[in-house]
Amino acid sequence: MVDQKLLNHKLLNHAQEVRLAKTNKAKLARYNQRLVVSIAQKYLYKGLSLQELVQEGNVGLMKAINRYDYKRGYRFSTYAVWWIRKAIQTAVYKKQKTYIESPLYDTTAYTQHNYDHLLPALLDTLPPKQRKIIDMRFGITGDTHTLKEVGKMFDLSYERIRQIEKEGLISLRQALI
């Protein structure tokens, strides 16, 4: 679990953050462990344990420490939140992506013959727009396309295409369970 001693540090004010950013980055990391844990707790039950989430958050924290420019006048904690969240979200995404892809591409679980019949059957469970978007994004029956390219073809924003793709992948995952 998380070392409680690391969580007992007092919060730093802006002047203390600047001083530590200039002189002692390791201490700055220790003083921001509570921030990492509080952000990691928001991502529980997304496929990773708290310890794994904190580890990924620490990767983001270290990146923030190395890139922080105190001369810009921003609080370090405000800057670090973005990097911590990004690292955690990336880890959660990779875990979920592995979870989705592993049943589809695990040839020990399915023979190629079964796989050839499984994917079209799964795709047929989706509404036509979701099926076509997933087909185009993953290149199932042709070339792969970017979100922007698919968006132009459907006259939708790339963000809406990403949302439809996500909904389709969730539906496929549920169909496998």
Protein backbone atom coordinates (compact mmCIF):
# COMPACT_ATOMS: atom_id res chain seq x y z
CA MET A 1 0.00 0.00 0.00
CA VAL A 2 0.98 3.67 0.17
CA ASP A 3 3.57 4.66 2.80
CA GLN A 4 1.69 6.80 5.35
CA LYS A 5 4.85 8.75 6.28
CA LEU A 6 4.91 10.19 2.79
CA LEU A 7 1.37 11.47 3.22
CA ASN A 8 2.01 13.33 6.48
CA HIS A 9 3.90 16.27 4.96
CA LYS A 10 2.28 19.67 5.24
CA LEU A 11 1.12 21.38 2.09
CA LEU A 12 3.63 23.76 0.55
CA ASN A 13 2.98 27.39 -0.24
CA HIS A 14 4.14 28.89 -3.53
CA ALA A 15 7.43 30.24 -2.13
CA GLN A 16 8.32 26.83 -0.68
CA GLU A 17 7.50 25.13 -3.99
CA VAL A 18 9.79 27.54 -5.85
CA ARG A 19 12.61 27.05 -3.34
CA LEU A 20 12.36 23.25 -3.60
CA ALA A 21 12.09 23.37 -7.40
CA LYS A 22 15.40 25.25 -7.45
CA THR A 23 17.24 23.21 -4.80
CA ASN A 24 15.74 19.83 -3.93
CA LYS A 25 13.55 18.05 -6.47
CA ALA A 26 13.47 14.82 -4.45
CA LYS A 27 11.97 16.66 -1.50
CA LEU A 28 9.46 18.36 -3.82
CA ALA A 29 8.39 14.89 -4.97
CA ARG A 30 7.97 13.67 -1.36
CA TYR A 31 5.90 16.71 -0.44
CA ASN A 32 3.54 16.10 -3.37
CA GLN A 33 2.77 12.44 -2.68
CA ARG A 34 -0.60 13.37 -1.19
CA LEU A 35 -1.48 15.03 -4.47
CA VAL A 36 -0.57 11.87 -6.40
CA VAL A 37 -2.59 9.65 -4.05
CA SER A 38 -5.64 11.91 -4.12
CA ILE A 39 -5.65 11.93 -7.93
CA ALA A 40 -4.99 8.17 -8.12
CA GLN A 41 -7.96 7.43 -5.85
CA LYS A 42 -10.27 8.99 -8.43
CA TYR A 43 -9.25 6.30 -10.92
CA LEU A 44 -9.85 3.27 -8.70
CA TYR A 45 -11.96 0.48 -10.20
CA LYS A 46 -10.75 1.24 -13.70
CA GLY A 47 -8.60 -1.88 -13.95
CA LEU A 48 -5.54 -0.91 -11.89
CA SER A 49 -4.85 -1.17 -8.16
CA LEU A 50 -4.20 1.92 -6.05
CA GLN A 51 -0.53 1.00 -5.86
CA GLU A 52 -0.27 0.78 -9.66
CA LEU A 53 -2.13 4.07 -10.05
CA VAL A 54 0.19 5.78 -7.55
CA GLN A 55 3.23 4.40 -9.39
CA GLU A 56 1.94 5.80 -12.67
CA GLY A 57 1.07 9.07 -10.94
CA ASN A 58 4.63 9.27 -9.65
CA VAL A 59 5.89 8.96 -13.22
CA GLY A 60 3.75 11.97 -14.09
CA LEU A 61 4.95 13.80 -10.97
CA MET A 62 8.60 13.27 -11.93
CA LYS A 63 7.89 14.53 -15.45
CA ALA A 64 6.22 17.61 -13.96
CA ILE A 65 9.18 18.22 -11.64
CA ASN A 66 11.63 17.99 -14.53
CA ARG A 67 9.58 20.33 -16.74
CA TYR A 68 8.38 22.84 -14.13
CA ASP A 69 9.44 26.43 -14.77
CA TYR A 70 8.90 28.41 -11.58
CA LYS A 71 9.67 31.64 -13.46
CA ARG A 72 6.25 31.52 -15.10
CA GLY A 73 4.60 32.16 -11.75
CA TYR A 74 2.34 29.10 -11.62
CA ARG A 75 2.00 26.94 -8.54
CA PHE A 76 3.84 23.65 -8.95
CA SER A 77 0.86 21.65 -7.69
CA THR A 78 -1.39 23.19 -10.35
CA TYR A 79 1.14 22.29 -13.03
CA ALA A 80 1.74 18.79 -11.65
CA VAL A 81 -1.94 17.82 -11.63
CA TRP A 82 -2.00 17.77 -15.43
CA TRP A 83 1.07 15.51 -15.71
CA ILE A 84 -0.10 13.17 -12.96
CA ARG A 85 -3.55 12.79 -14.51
CA LYS A 86 -2.05 12.25 -17.95
CA ALA A 87 0.22 9.47 -16.71
CA ILE A 88 -2.60 7.75 -14.81
CA GLN A 89 -5.09 8.09 -17.65
CA THR A 90 -2.57 6.67 -20.11
CA ALA A 91 -1.97 3.65 -17.87
CA VAL A 92 -5.71 3.07 -17.41
CA TYR A 93 -6.28 3.39 -21.16
CA LYS A 94 -3.51 0.90 -21.94
CA LYS A 95 -4.92 -1.55 -19.41
CA GLN A 96 -8.44 -1.23 -20.82
CA LYS A 97 -7.16 -1.48 -24.39
CA THR A 98 -5.31 -4.68 -23.51
CA TYR A 99 -8.47 -6.00 -21.90
CA ILE A 100 -10.49 -5.28 -25.03
CA GLU A 101 -7.95 -6.60 -27.52
CA SER A 102 -6.77 -9.71 -25.73
CA PRO A 103 -9.91 -11.80 -26.30
CA LEU A 104 -10.01 -10.75 -29.96
CA TYR A 105 -6.37 -11.43 -30.76
CA ASP A 106 -5.41 -14.24 -28.38
CA THR A 107 -4.84 -17.15 -30.77
CA THR A 108 -4.42 -19.59 -27.91
CA ALA A 109 -8.00 -18.94 -26.84
CA TYR A 110 -9.46 -18.98 -30.35
CA THR A 111 -8.31 -20.69 -33.47
CA GLN A 112 -7.98 -18.49 -36.53
CA HIS A 113 -11.14 -20.13 -37.90
CA ASN A 114 -13.14 -19.15 -34.82
CA TYR A 115 -11.64 -15.68 -34.88
CA ASP A 116 -12.71 -15.17 -38.48
CA HIS A 117 -16.31 -15.90 -37.47
CA LEU A 118 -16.21 -14.17 -34.09
CA LEU A 119 -15.27 -10.66 -35.20
CA PRO A 120 -18.00 -10.21 -37.83
CA ALA A 121 -20.57 -11.64 -35.41
CA LEU A 122 -19.44 -9.21 -32.72
CA LEU A 123 -19.47 -6.27 -35.11
CA ASP A 124 -23.01 -7.20 -36.20
CA THR A 125 -24.18 -6.53 -32.63
CA LEU A 126 -23.29 -2.85 -33.08
CA PRO A 127 -25.43 -0.15 -34.67
CA PRO A 128 -24.37 0.53 -38.27
CA LYS A 129 -22.60 3.84 -37.55
CA GLN A 130 -20.56 2.37 -34.65
CA ARG A 131 -19.70 -0.70 -36.73
CA LYS A 132 -18.49 1.43 -39.68
CA ILE A 133 -16.47 3.76 -37.43
CA ILE A 134 -14.74 0.88 -35.65
CA ASP A 135 -14.11 -0.80 -38.98
CA MET A 136 -12.50 2.35 -40.38
CA ARG A 137 -10.51 3.16 -37.23
CA PHE A 138 -9.04 -0.36 -36.84
CA GLY A 139 -8.84 -1.24 -40.53
CA ILE A 140 -10.90 -4.42 -40.21
CA THR A 141 -12.02 -4.52 -43.85
CA GLY A 142 -9.61 -1.98 -45.30
CA ASP A 143 -7.18 0.76 -44.34
CA THR A 144 -7.08 2.41 -40.92
CA HIS A 145 -8.16 6.04 -40.68
CA THR A 146 -7.52 8.80 -38.16
CA LEU A 147 -10.30 10.32 -36.07
CA LYS A 148 -10.12 13.42 -38.24
CA GLU A 149 -10.46 11.43 -41.49
CA VAL A 150 -13.42 9.45 -40.19
CA GLY A 151 -14.98 12.66 -38.88
CA LYS A 152 -14.82 14.22 -42.35
CA MET A 153 -16.45 11.14 -43.90
CA PHE A 154 -19.32 11.26 -41.40
CA ASP A 155 -19.43 15.08 -41.22
CA LEU A 156 -18.81 14.89 -37.46
CA SER A 157 -16.10 16.27 -35.20
CA TYR A 158 -13.19 14.01 -34.34
CA GLU A 159 -14.27 14.21 -30.69
CA ARG A 160 -17.72 12.85 -31.56
CA ILE A 161 -16.10 10.07 -33.61
CA ARG A 162 -13.90 9.22 -30.59
CA GLN A 163 -17.01 9.06 -28.38
CA ILE A 164 -18.86 6.79 -30.82
CA GLU A 165 -15.77 4.58 -31.11
CA LYS A 166 -15.51 4.34 -27.33
CA GLU A 167 -19.20 3.41 -27.03
CA GLY A 168 -18.71 0.71 -29.67
CA LEU A 169 -15.65 -0.74 -27.94
CA ILE A 170 -17.53 -0.85 -24.64
CA SER A 171 -20.39 -2.67 -26.37
CA LEU A 172 -17.94 -5.17 -27.90
CA ARG A 173 -16.34 -5.77 -24.52
CA GLN A 174 -19.75 -6.38 -22.94
CA ALA A 175 -20.67 -8.77 -25.73
CA LEU A 176 -17.55 -10.83 -24.93
CA ILE A 177 -18.35 -11.12 -21.23
